[in-house]
Amino acid sequence: MPPPPAPIVPPGKPTPKAPDNPEQEYAAALATYRAREHGQAVIDFLDFIAKYPKHPLAGNAQYWIGEAYWAQRDYRQALVEFEKVFEHGPGKAPDALLKIGLCYLRLSDVPRAQQAWQRVVNEYPKSESAAMARSLIATHAARR
């Protein structure tokens, strides 16, 4: 039996390649995270950062890697991943600092948790994260 004929491509027209769409790839990775497929979400966000290291959403992708480990209660790895957020600029830094403090709290290191929260208050005083950090500082200062 002869092989099927090759599709006819008009001359001068290259076969269309799917254009890179970083926003769509980021949204797909975030949807995977929200579906609680944390392991796959980490892979998808790592792929995003590898493909688009300078993209404005790279810091957000790094943040969500930390959140995926947090959701799996791997606080040590979450801490490592949240620390990497700062390599991508200040965008998610206040949120990352807040979570770094929460990681330290879960690892029973209250002084380091307090330091992280104090940084949020000092460096990003008008952020939502600073308001939460102030509350956490007050709550955990009383428990010392």
N, C-alpha and C. Protein backbone atom coordinates (compact mmCIF):
# COMPACT_ATOMS: atom_id res chain seq x y z
N MET A 1 0.86 -1.18 0.00
CA MET A 1 0.00 0.00 0.00
C MET A 1 0.91 1.24 0.00
N PRO A 2 0.66 2.19 -0.90
CA PRO A 2 1.52 3.38 -0.97
C PRO A 2 1.27 4.30 0.22
N PRO A 3 2.29 5.07 0.64
CA PRO A 3 2.08 6.01 1.76
C PRO A 3 1.11 7.11 1.35
N PRO A 4 0.40 7.69 2.33
CA PRO A 4 -0.55 8.76 1.98
C PRO A 4 0.22 9.96 1.41
N PRO A 5 -0.43 10.68 0.51
CA PRO A 5 0.26 11.84 -0.08
C PRO A 5 0.53 12.91 0.98
N ALA A 6 1.65 13.59 0.84
CA ALA A 6 2.01 14.67 1.75
C ALA A 6 1.05 15.83 1.54
N PRO A 7 0.73 16.57 2.61
CA PRO A 7 -0.18 17.71 2.43
C PRO A 7 0.48 18.76 1.51
N ILE A 8 -0.35 19.38 0.74
CA ILE A 8 0.15 20.39 -0.20
C ILE A 8 0.27 21.72 0.53
N VAL A 9 1.49 22.26 0.55
CA VAL A 9 1.74 23.57 1.15
C VAL A 9 2.05 24.52 0.02
N PRO A 10 1.30 25.62 -0.08
CA PRO A 10 1.57 26.57 -1.16
C PRO A 10 3.02 27.07 -1.08
N PRO A 11 3.68 27.25 -2.22
CA PRO A 11 5.06 27.70 -2.20
C PRO A 11 5.20 29.07 -1.54
N GLY A 12 6.29 29.24 -0.80
CA GLY A 12 6.57 30.53 -0.17
C GLY A 12 5.85 30.74 1.16
N LYS A 13 5.02 29.79 1.57
CA LYS A 13 4.33 29.92 2.85
C LYS A 13 4.88 28.87 3.80
N PRO A 14 5.63 29.31 4.81
CA PRO A 14 6.13 28.33 5.77
C PRO A 14 4.98 27.79 6.61
N THR A 15 5.16 26.59 7.10
CA THR A 15 4.10 26.02 7.94
C THR A 15 4.02 26.87 9.20
N PRO A 16 2.83 27.25 9.60
CA PRO A 16 2.70 28.15 10.73
C PRO A 16 3.15 27.47 12.03
N LYS A 17 3.93 28.19 12.80
CA LYS A 17 4.38 27.72 14.11
C LYS A 17 3.59 28.52 15.15
N ALA A 18 3.20 27.85 16.21
CA ALA A 18 2.46 28.55 17.25
C ALA A 18 3.35 29.66 17.83
N PRO A 19 2.85 30.88 17.85
CA PRO A 19 3.67 31.97 18.39
C PRO A 19 3.85 31.80 19.90
N ASP A 20 4.99 32.27 20.40
CA ASP A 20 5.20 32.25 21.85
C ASP A 20 4.18 33.18 22.48
N ASN A 21 3.53 32.70 23.48
CA ASN A 21 2.56 33.53 24.19
C ASN A 21 2.81 33.38 25.69
N PRO A 22 3.74 34.17 26.24
CA PRO A 22 4.09 34.01 27.65
C PRO A 22 2.92 34.16 28.60
N GLU A 23 2.03 35.11 28.33
CA GLU A 23 0.91 35.33 29.23
C GLU A 23 0.00 34.11 29.29
N GLN A 24 -0.20 33.50 28.11
CA GLN A 24 -1.05 32.31 28.05
C GLN A 24 -0.37 31.14 28.78
N GLU A 25 0.94 31.00 28.62
CA GLU A 25 1.67 29.92 29.30
C GLU A 25 1.62 30.12 30.82
N TYR A 26 1.79 31.37 31.26
CA TYR A 26 1.71 31.68 32.69
C TYR A 26 0.32 31.34 33.22
N ALA A 27 -0.71 31.76 32.49
CA ALA A 27 -2.09 31.50 32.92
C ALA A 27 -2.36 30.00 33.00
N ALA A 28 -1.81 29.23 32.07
CA ALA A 28 -2.00 27.78 32.08
C ALA A 28 -1.32 27.16 33.31
N ALA A 29 -0.12 27.64 33.63
CA ALA A 29 0.60 27.13 34.81
C ALA A 29 -0.17 27.48 36.08
N LEU A 30 -0.71 28.69 36.14
CA LEU A 30 -1.47 29.12 37.30
C LEU A 30 -2.75 28.28 37.45
N ALA A 31 -3.38 27.96 36.32
CA ALA A 31 -4.58 27.11 36.35
C ALA A 31 -4.22 25.72 36.89
N THR A 32 -3.05 25.23 36.52
CA THR A 32 -2.59 23.93 37.03
C THR A 32 -2.40 24.01 38.54
N TYR A 33 -1.80 25.09 39.01
CA TYR A 33 -1.63 25.28 40.46
C TYR A 33 -2.99 25.31 41.15
N ARG A 34 -3.91 26.06 40.59
CA ARG A 34 -5.24 26.21 41.21
C ARG A 34 -6.03 24.91 41.19
N ALA A 35 -5.67 24.02 40.26
CA ALA A 35 -6.30 22.70 40.21
C ALA A 35 -5.65 21.75 41.24
N ARG A 36 -4.75 22.30 42.05
CA ARG A 36 -4.03 21.57 43.11
C ARG A 36 -3.09 20.51 42.54
N GLU A 37 -2.65 20.72 41.32
CA GLU A 37 -1.64 19.84 40.73
C GLU A 37 -0.30 20.52 40.96
N HIS A 38 0.13 20.55 42.22
CA HIS A 38 1.27 21.37 42.61
C HIS A 38 2.58 20.93 41.98
N GLY A 39 2.81 19.63 41.88
CA GLY A 39 4.05 19.14 41.26
C GLY A 39 4.15 19.59 39.81
N GLN A 40 3.06 19.43 39.06
CA GLN A 40 3.05 19.85 37.66
C GLN A 40 3.16 21.36 37.54
N ALA A 41 2.53 22.09 38.44
CA ALA A 41 2.60 23.55 38.41
C ALA A 41 4.03 24.02 38.59
N VAL A 42 4.78 23.38 39.50
CA VAL A 42 6.19 23.75 39.69
C VAL A 42 6.95 23.57 38.38
N ILE A 43 6.74 22.45 37.72
CA ILE A 43 7.41 22.18 36.44
C ILE A 43 7.02 23.24 35.40
N ASP A 44 5.74 23.55 35.33
CA ASP A 44 5.26 24.54 34.35
C ASP A 44 5.84 25.93 34.62
N PHE A 45 5.87 26.33 35.89
CA PHE A 45 6.44 27.64 36.23
C PHE A 45 7.95 27.67 35.99
N LEU A 46 8.64 26.57 36.29
CA LEU A 46 10.08 26.51 36.01
C LEU A 46 10.34 26.63 34.50
N ASP A 47 9.51 25.97 33.70
CA ASP A 47 9.63 26.07 32.24
C ASP A 47 9.41 27.51 31.79
N PHE A 48 8.41 28.16 32.38
CA PHE A 48 8.11 29.55 32.03
C PHE A 48 9.33 30.43 32.30
N ILE A 49 9.91 30.30 33.50
CA ILE A 49 11.06 31.12 33.88
C ILE A 49 12.25 30.83 32.97
N ALA A 50 12.43 29.56 32.61
CA ALA A 50 13.54 29.19 31.72
C ALA A 50 13.36 29.82 30.34
N LYS A 51 12.13 29.84 29.84
CA LYS A 51 11.86 30.40 28.51
C LYS A 51 11.84 31.92 28.51
N TYR A 52 11.34 32.51 29.59
CA TYR A 52 11.13 33.96 29.65
C TYR A 52 11.73 34.55 30.93
N PRO A 53 13.04 34.44 31.12
CA PRO A 53 13.63 34.87 32.40
C PRO A 53 13.48 36.36 32.68
N LYS A 54 13.33 37.18 31.66
CA LYS A 54 13.22 38.64 31.84
C LYS A 54 11.78 39.13 31.76
N HIS A 55 10.83 38.22 31.58
CA HIS A 55 9.43 38.62 31.45
C HIS A 55 8.93 39.19 32.78
N PRO A 56 8.06 40.21 32.72
CA PRO A 56 7.52 40.80 33.96
C PRO A 56 6.82 39.78 34.88
N LEU A 57 6.34 38.68 34.33
CA LEU A 57 5.66 37.68 35.15
C LEU A 57 6.61 36.63 35.74
N ALA A 58 7.90 36.71 35.43
CA ALA A 58 8.86 35.71 35.94
C ALA A 58 8.88 35.70 37.47
N GLY A 59 8.84 36.87 38.09
CA GLY A 59 8.82 36.94 39.55
C GLY A 59 7.56 36.31 40.13
N ASN A 60 6.43 36.53 39.45
CA ASN A 60 5.18 35.91 39.89
C ASN A 60 5.28 34.39 39.77
N ALA A 61 5.85 33.93 38.67
CA ALA A 61 6.00 32.48 38.47
C ALA A 61 6.85 31.90 39.60
N GLN A 62 7.94 32.59 39.95
CA GLN A 62 8.80 32.12 41.03
C GLN A 62 8.03 32.10 42.36
N TYR A 63 7.23 33.11 42.58
CA TYR A 63 6.42 33.16 43.79
C TYR A 63 5.49 31.95 43.88
N TRP A 64 4.85 31.61 42.77
CA TRP A 64 3.91 30.49 42.77
C TRP A 64 4.61 29.15 42.96
N ILE A 65 5.87 29.06 42.57
CA ILE A 65 6.65 27.85 42.87
C ILE A 65 6.74 27.71 44.39
N GLY A 66 7.05 28.82 45.07
CA GLY A 66 7.08 28.80 46.53
C GLY A 66 5.73 28.40 47.12
N GLU A 67 4.67 28.96 46.57
CA GLU A 67 3.33 28.63 47.06
C GLU A 67 3.00 27.14 46.87
N ALA A 68 3.47 26.56 45.76
CA ALA A 68 3.21 25.14 45.51
C ALA A 68 3.88 24.28 46.59
N TYR A 69 5.11 24.62 46.94
CA TYR A 69 5.78 23.88 48.02
C TYR A 69 5.10 24.13 49.36
N TRP A 70 4.68 25.36 49.60
CA TRP A 70 3.95 25.69 50.82
C TRP A 70 2.69 24.83 50.92
N ALA A 71 1.95 24.73 49.82
CA ALA A 71 0.71 23.95 49.81
C ALA A 71 0.98 22.47 50.12
N GLN A 72 2.18 22.01 49.80
CA GLN A 72 2.56 20.61 50.07
C GLN A 72 3.21 20.47 51.45
N ARG A 73 3.23 21.56 52.20
CA ARG A 73 3.81 21.61 53.55
C ARG A 73 5.32 21.34 53.55
N ASP A 74 5.96 21.62 52.43
CA ASP A 74 7.43 21.51 52.36
C ASP A 74 7.97 22.91 52.61
N TYR A 75 8.00 23.32 53.88
CA TYR A 75 8.32 24.69 54.23
C TYR A 75 9.77 25.06 53.97
N ARG A 76 10.67 24.10 54.09
CA ARG A 76 12.09 24.39 53.81
C ARG A 76 12.28 24.72 52.32
N GLN A 77 11.69 23.91 51.44
CA GLN A 77 11.82 24.19 50.01
C GLN A 77 11.04 25.45 49.63
N ALA A 78 9.91 25.67 50.25
CA ALA A 78 9.13 26.89 49.98
C ALA A 78 9.98 28.11 50.31
N LEU A 79 10.69 28.04 51.43
CA LEU A 79 11.56 29.14 51.86
C LEU A 79 12.61 29.43 50.79
N VAL A 80 13.24 28.38 50.28
CA VAL A 80 14.26 28.52 49.22
C VAL A 80 13.65 29.20 48.00
N GLU A 81 12.46 28.77 47.61
CA GLU A 81 11.82 29.29 46.40
C GLU A 81 11.35 30.73 46.60
N PHE A 82 10.82 31.06 47.77
CA PHE A 82 10.39 32.44 48.03
C PHE A 82 11.59 33.38 48.02
N GLU A 83 12.75 32.92 48.49
CA GLU A 83 13.97 33.75 48.48
C GLU A 83 14.37 34.12 47.05
N LYS A 84 14.09 33.25 46.10
CA LYS A 84 14.48 33.48 44.69
C LYS A 84 13.63 34.56 44.02
N VAL A 85 12.50 34.90 44.63
CA VAL A 85 11.60 35.91 44.05
C VAL A 85 12.34 37.24 43.87
N PHE A 86 13.26 37.56 44.80
CA PHE A 86 13.96 38.85 44.77
C PHE A 86 14.87 39.00 43.55
N GLU A 87 15.26 37.88 42.93
CA GLU A 87 16.10 37.92 41.73
C GLU A 87 15.34 38.52 40.55
N HIS A 88 14.01 38.59 40.67
CA HIS A 88 13.17 39.04 39.55
C HIS A 88 12.59 40.43 39.76
N GLY A 89 13.13 41.18 40.71
CA GLY A 89 12.63 42.53 40.93
C GLY A 89 11.66 42.60 42.09
N PRO A 90 11.16 43.81 42.37
CA PRO A 90 10.38 44.04 43.58
C PRO A 90 8.90 43.63 43.50
N GLY A 91 8.42 43.25 42.33
CA GLY A 91 6.99 43.00 42.15
C GLY A 91 6.31 42.18 43.23
N LYS A 92 6.75 40.97 43.45
CA LYS A 92 6.14 40.08 44.43
C LYS A 92 6.93 40.03 45.73
N ALA A 93 7.91 40.91 45.89
CA ALA A 93 8.78 40.88 47.07
C ALA A 93 8.01 40.98 48.40
N PRO A 94 7.05 41.92 48.53
CA PRO A 94 6.35 42.00 49.82
C PRO A 94 5.62 40.70 50.16
N ASP A 95 4.97 40.09 49.15
CA ASP A 95 4.25 38.84 49.37
C ASP A 95 5.23 37.73 49.73
N ALA A 96 6.37 37.70 49.05
CA ALA A 96 7.38 36.67 49.31
C ALA A 96 7.92 36.81 50.73
N LEU A 97 8.20 38.05 51.15
CA LEU A 97 8.70 38.26 52.51
C LEU A 97 7.69 37.81 53.56
N LEU A 98 6.44 38.10 53.32
CA LEU A 98 5.39 37.67 54.24
C LEU A 98 5.41 36.14 54.36
N LYS A 99 5.48 35.46 53.22
CA LYS A 99 5.48 34.00 53.21
C LYS A 99 6.77 33.44 53.80
N ILE A 100 7.90 34.12 53.59
CA ILE A 100 9.16 33.69 54.19
C ILE A 100 9.00 33.67 55.72
N GLY A 101 8.37 34.72 56.24
CA GLY A 101 8.10 34.76 57.68
C GLY A 101 7.21 33.60 58.12
N LEU A 102 6.19 33.30 57.33
CA LEU A 102 5.30 32.19 57.68
C LEU A 102 6.03 30.85 57.61
N CYS A 103 6.95 30.70 56.65
CA CYS A 103 7.75 29.48 56.57
C CYS A 103 8.58 29.32 57.85
N TYR A 104 9.26 30.42 58.23
CA TYR A 104 10.05 30.36 59.46
C TYR A 104 9.17 30.04 60.67
N LEU A 105 7.97 30.59 60.70
CA LEU A 105 7.06 30.30 61.80
C LEU A 105 6.75 28.80 61.84
N ARG A 106 6.44 28.22 60.68
CA ARG A 106 6.14 26.79 60.61
C ARG A 106 7.36 25.93 60.98
N LEU A 107 8.55 26.50 60.77
CA LEU A 107 9.79 25.79 61.12
C LEU A 107 10.23 26.14 62.55
N SER A 108 9.33 26.77 63.30
CA SER A 108 9.55 27.13 64.72
C SER A 108 10.72 28.09 64.94
N ASP A 109 10.93 28.99 63.98
CA ASP A 109 11.98 30.01 64.14
C ASP A 109 11.30 31.38 64.18
N VAL A 110 10.69 31.70 65.32
CA VAL A 110 9.92 32.94 65.46
C VAL A 110 10.79 34.19 65.26
N PRO A 111 12.03 34.24 65.80
CA PRO A 111 12.82 35.46 65.56
C PRO A 111 13.06 35.75 64.07
N ARG A 112 13.34 34.73 63.29
CA ARG A 112 13.53 34.95 61.84
C ARG A 112 12.22 35.33 61.17
N ALA A 113 11.12 34.74 61.62
CA ALA A 113 9.81 35.11 61.08
C ALA A 113 9.57 36.59 61.34
N GLN A 114 9.84 37.03 62.56
CA GLN A 114 9.65 38.44 62.92
C GLN A 114 10.52 39.35 62.05
N GLN A 115 11.77 38.92 61.79
CA GLN A 115 12.67 39.72 60.94
C GLN A 115 12.09 39.90 59.54
N ALA A 116 11.60 38.82 58.97
CA ALA A 116 11.03 38.89 57.62
C ALA A 116 9.83 39.82 57.60
N TRP A 117 8.96 39.69 58.60
CA TRP A 117 7.77 40.55 58.63
C TRP A 117 8.15 42.01 58.86
N GLN A 118 9.17 42.24 59.67
CA GLN A 118 9.61 43.62 59.91
C GLN A 118 10.16 44.24 58.62
N ARG A 119 10.84 43.42 57.81
CA ARG A 119 11.33 43.91 56.51
C ARG A 119 10.17 44.35 55.62
N VAL A 120 9.09 43.58 55.63
CA VAL A 120 7.91 43.96 54.83
C VAL A 120 7.43 45.34 55.28
N VAL A 121 7.30 45.51 56.59
CA VAL A 121 6.80 46.77 57.15
C VAL A 121 7.74 47.92 56.80
N ASN A 122 9.05 47.69 56.93
CA ASN A 122 10.03 48.75 56.68
C ASN A 122 10.18 49.09 55.20
N GLU A 123 10.23 48.06 54.35
CA GLU A 123 10.54 48.27 52.93
C GLU A 123 9.31 48.49 52.06
N TYR A 124 8.15 47.98 52.48
CA TYR A 124 6.93 48.10 51.67
C TYR A 124 5.77 48.52 52.58
N PRO A 125 5.90 49.67 53.27
CA PRO A 125 4.95 50.03 54.33
C PRO A 125 3.50 50.19 53.87
N LYS A 126 3.28 50.52 52.61
CA LYS A 126 1.92 50.75 52.13
C LYS A 126 1.29 49.51 51.49
N SER A 127 2.03 48.40 51.45
CA SER A 127 1.51 47.19 50.80
C SER A 127 0.51 46.45 51.71
N GLU A 128 -0.35 45.64 51.06
CA GLU A 128 -1.27 44.79 51.82
C GLU A 128 -0.48 43.83 52.70
N SER A 129 0.66 43.37 52.18
CA SER A 129 1.49 42.44 52.94
C SER A 129 2.00 43.08 54.23
N ALA A 130 2.29 44.39 54.19
CA ALA A 130 2.76 45.09 55.40
C ALA A 130 1.67 45.10 56.47
N ALA A 131 0.43 45.30 56.05
CA ALA A 131 -0.68 45.29 57.01
C ALA A 131 -0.78 43.91 57.67
N MET A 132 -0.66 42.88 56.88
CA MET A 132 -0.71 41.52 57.43
C MET A 132 0.51 41.27 58.32
N ALA A 133 1.67 41.75 57.89
CA ALA A 133 2.90 41.56 58.67
C ALA A 133 2.78 42.22 60.03
N ARG A 134 2.22 43.44 60.07
CA ARG A 134 2.03 44.13 61.35
C ARG A 134 1.18 43.29 62.31
N SER A 135 0.13 42.71 61.75
CA SER A 135 -0.76 41.88 62.56
C SER A 135 -0.02 40.62 63.06
N LEU A 136 0.75 40.00 62.20
CA LEU A 136 1.52 38.80 62.58
C LEU A 136 2.57 39.13 63.63
N ILE A 137 3.24 40.27 63.47
CA ILE A 137 4.25 40.70 64.45
C ILE A 137 3.59 40.85 65.82
N ALA A 138 2.45 41.52 65.85
CA ALA A 138 1.74 41.75 67.12
C ALA A 138 1.30 40.42 67.73
N THR A 139 0.74 39.54 66.91
CA THR A 139 0.24 38.26 67.41
C THR A 139 1.37 37.41 67.98
N HIS A 140 2.48 37.34 67.26
CA HIS A 140 3.55 36.44 67.68
C HIS A 140 4.51 37.07 68.69
N ALA A 141 4.46 38.38 68.84
CA ALA A 141 5.25 39.03 69.89
C ALA A 141 4.62 38.69 71.25
N ALA A 142 3.30 38.59 71.26
CA ALA A 142 2.60 38.30 72.50
C ALA A 142 2.84 36.85 72.95
N ARG A 143 3.23 35.97 72.03
CA ARG A 143 3.39 34.54 72.35
C ARG A 143 4.81 34.19 72.77
N ARG A 144 5.71 35.15 72.75
CA ARG A 144 7.11 34.82 73.07
C ARG A 144 7.28 34.30 74.46
